[in-house]
Every structure is written in C-alpha cells, then in structure tokens.
Amino acid sequence: MAIEERLRTFIQNNFLLGDKNRAIKEDESFLQSGIIDSTGVLELVNFIEETYKIKVEDEELIPENLDSIKNLIAYIQRKSAKTA
C-alpha cells in the first residue's frame, strides 16, 4: 500500500470515524481544520513509528513534518532514506 493511501486510511478511520464523505486535501492542515488535536498528533506519531519503523524525534514534532498528508509523505520519505 502506498504511503499516501495508508495515511489517508489511518486518518479516515481514526480521526474522521470512517466518514468517507470527508475528503482531505493533500496540503490541508490537520490542526487548523480540526481533523487532529494535540492528542491526535501523538496517535499519528505512534502509527508512523510502528508502520514505517522510524523514530520521530522530539525536535521533529513540527507542522512542517506532520500537519498535512503532503508534509507527512515528504517526512516519511526523508526519514526512510536516512535509515536505509
């Protein structure tokens, strides 16, 4: 499963309660649009670490890495390349 599809499925199921009618734009801010709150960020980080076998460092917990589908894909690809 592609990174984007896996992320969308996780967010849809865990934060939008499976609402298939709610489309998330690639660059839509999770925090600004109310999709994810601060507790949700921790849930998302846990999912990323377990799924992609990468460690999200404290200094990486910033919107530029985690606040949209687009940012998440780029972050996961960067981190995965470093550990490969």
C-alpha atoms as a PDB file:
ATOM      1  CA  MET A   1       0.000   0.000   0.000  1.00  0.00           C
ATOM      2  CA  ALA A   2       1.363   3.425  -0.949  1.00  0.00           C
ATOM      3  CA  ILE A   3       2.275   5.878   1.796  1.00  0.00           C
ATOM      4  CA  GLU A   4      -0.486   8.325   0.882  1.00  0.00           C
ATOM      5  CA  GLU A   5      -3.190   5.660   0.796  1.00  0.00           C
ATOM      6  CA  ARG A   6      -2.076   4.180   4.118  1.00  0.00           C
ATOM      7  CA  LEU A   7      -2.016   7.620   5.786  1.00  0.00           C
ATOM      8  CA  ARG A   8      -5.428   8.574   4.399  1.00  0.00           C
ATOM      9  CA  THR A   9      -6.934   5.284   5.587  1.00  0.00           C
ATOM     10  CA  PHE A  10      -5.479   5.735   9.090  1.00  0.00           C
ATOM     11  CA  ILE A  11      -6.675   9.340   9.379  1.00  0.00           C
ATOM     12  CA  GLN A  12     -10.096   8.496   7.952  1.00  0.00           C
ATOM     13  CA  ASN A  13     -10.609   5.595  10.361  1.00  0.00           C
ATOM     14  CA  ASN A  14      -9.106   7.127  13.495  1.00  0.00           C
ATOM     15  CA  PHE A  15      -9.892  10.832  13.323  1.00  0.00           C
ATOM     16  CA  LEU A  16     -12.853  11.126  10.973  1.00  0.00           C
ATOM     17  CA  LEU A  17     -14.524   7.978  12.320  1.00  0.00           C
ATOM     18  CA  GLY A  18     -14.669   6.400   8.884  1.00  0.00           C
ATOM     19  CA  ASP A  19     -16.524   9.328   7.290  1.00  0.00           C
ATOM     20  CA  LYS A  20     -15.900   8.575   3.604  1.00  0.00           C
ATOM     21  CA  ASN A  21     -17.621  11.821   2.576  1.00  0.00           C
ATOM     22  CA  ARG A  22     -14.910  13.949   4.203  1.00  0.00           C
ATOM     23  CA  ALA A  23     -12.144  14.349   1.635  1.00  0.00           C
ATOM     24  CA  ILE A  24      -8.802  15.583   2.914  1.00  0.00           C
ATOM     25  CA  LYS A  25      -6.801  17.783   0.572  1.00  0.00           C
ATOM     26  CA  GLU A  26      -3.138  16.906   0.249  1.00  0.00           C
ATOM     27  CA  ASP A  27      -1.987  20.194   1.787  1.00  0.00           C
ATOM     28  CA  GLU A  28      -4.862  20.690   4.266  1.00  0.00           C
ATOM     29  CA  SER A  29      -3.646  21.427   7.801  1.00  0.00           C
ATOM     30  CA  PHE A  30      -4.843  18.742  10.220  1.00  0.00           C
ATOM     31  CA  LEU A  31      -4.684  21.139  13.169  1.00  0.00           C
ATOM     32  CA  GLN A  32      -6.273  24.193  11.537  1.00  0.00           C
ATOM     33  CA  SER A  33      -9.129  22.166  10.058  1.00  0.00           C
ATOM     34  CA  GLY A  34      -9.758  20.354  13.346  1.00  0.00           C
ATOM     35  CA  ILE A  35      -9.025  16.886  11.991  1.00  0.00           C
ATOM     36  CA  ILE A  36      -6.363  16.202  14.618  1.00  0.00           C
ATOM     37  CA  ASP A  37      -5.757  17.768  18.013  1.00  0.00           C
ATOM     38  CA  SER A  38      -2.604  17.604  20.142  1.00  0.00           C
ATOM     39  CA  THR A  39      -3.502  14.150  21.468  1.00  0.00           C
ATOM     40  CA  GLY A  40      -4.165  13.008  17.929  1.00  0.00           C
ATOM     41  CA  VAL A  41      -0.666  14.082  16.919  1.00  0.00           C
ATOM     42  CA  LEU A  42       0.730  11.578  19.422  1.00  0.00           C
ATOM     43  CA  GLU A  43      -1.510   8.870  17.973  1.00  0.00           C
ATOM     44  CA  LEU A  44      -0.332   9.774  14.483  1.00  0.00           C
ATOM     45  CA  VAL A  45       3.329   9.681  15.552  1.00  0.00           C
ATOM     46  CA  ASN A  46       2.833   6.251  17.111  1.00  0.00           C
ATOM     47  CA  PHE A  47       1.264   5.000  13.866  1.00  0.00           C
ATOM     48  CA  ILE A  48       4.145   6.393  11.774  1.00  0.00           C
ATOM     49  CA  GLU A  49       6.796   4.886  14.043  1.00  0.00           C
ATOM     50  CA  GLU A  50       5.190   1.445  14.073  1.00  0.00           C
ATOM     51  CA  THR A  51       4.215   1.360  10.401  1.00  0.00           C
ATOM     52  CA  TYR A  52       7.391   2.774   8.872  1.00  0.00           C
ATOM     53  CA  LYS A  53       9.893   1.677  11.543  1.00  0.00           C
ATOM     54  CA  ILE A  54      11.242   5.184  12.012  1.00  0.00           C
ATOM     55  CA  LYS A  55      11.793   7.203  15.180  1.00  0.00           C
ATOM     56  CA  VAL A  56      10.142  10.625  15.297  1.00  0.00           C
ATOM     57  CA  GLU A  57      12.445  12.783  17.402  1.00  0.00           C
ATOM     58  CA  ASP A  58      11.051  15.491  19.697  1.00  0.00           C
ATOM     59  CA  GLU A  59      12.538  18.277  17.554  1.00  0.00           C
ATOM     60  CA  GLU A  60      10.745  16.794  14.516  1.00  0.00           C
ATOM     61  CA  LEU A  61       7.285  17.268  16.075  1.00  0.00           C
ATOM     62  CA  ILE A  62       6.589  20.350  13.989  1.00  0.00           C
ATOM     63  CA  PRO A  63       3.839  21.222  11.479  1.00  0.00           C
ATOM     64  CA  GLU A  64       6.340  21.211   8.607  1.00  0.00           C
ATOM     65  CA  ASN A  65       6.644  17.438   9.151  1.00  0.00           C
ATOM     66  CA  LEU A  66       3.291  16.296  10.476  1.00  0.00           C
ATOM     67  CA  ASP A  67       0.458  18.719   9.687  1.00  0.00           C
ATOM     68  CA  SER A  68      -0.776  17.521   6.280  1.00  0.00           C
ATOM     69  CA  ILE A  69      -0.748  14.485   4.018  1.00  0.00           C
ATOM     70  CA  LYS A  70       1.830  16.209   1.802  1.00  0.00           C
ATOM     71  CA  ASN A  71       4.128  17.039   4.744  1.00  0.00           C
ATOM     72  CA  LEU A  72       3.809  13.539   6.187  1.00  0.00           C
ATOM     73  CA  ILE A  73       4.723  11.851   2.913  1.00  0.00           C
ATOM     74  CA  ALA A  74       7.818  14.039   2.489  1.00  0.00           C
ATOM     75  CA  TYR A  75       8.838  13.484   6.122  1.00  0.00           C
ATOM     76  CA  ILE A  76       8.419   9.700   5.960  1.00  0.00           C
ATOM     77  CA  GLN A  77      10.377   9.538   2.698  1.00  0.00           C
ATOM     78  CA  ARG A  78      13.241  11.622   4.168  1.00  0.00           C
ATOM     79  CA  LYS A  79      13.387   9.565   7.354  1.00  0.00           C
ATOM     80  CA  SER A  80      13.169   6.269   5.493  1.00  0.00           C
ATOM     81  CA  ALA A  81      16.013   7.283   3.166  1.00  0.00           C
ATOM     82  CA  LYS A  82      18.231   8.067   6.175  1.00  0.00           C
ATOM     83  CA  THR A  83      17.642   4.659   7.767  1.00  0.00           C
ATOM     84  CA  ALA A  84      18.028   2.687   4.532  1.00  0.00           C
END
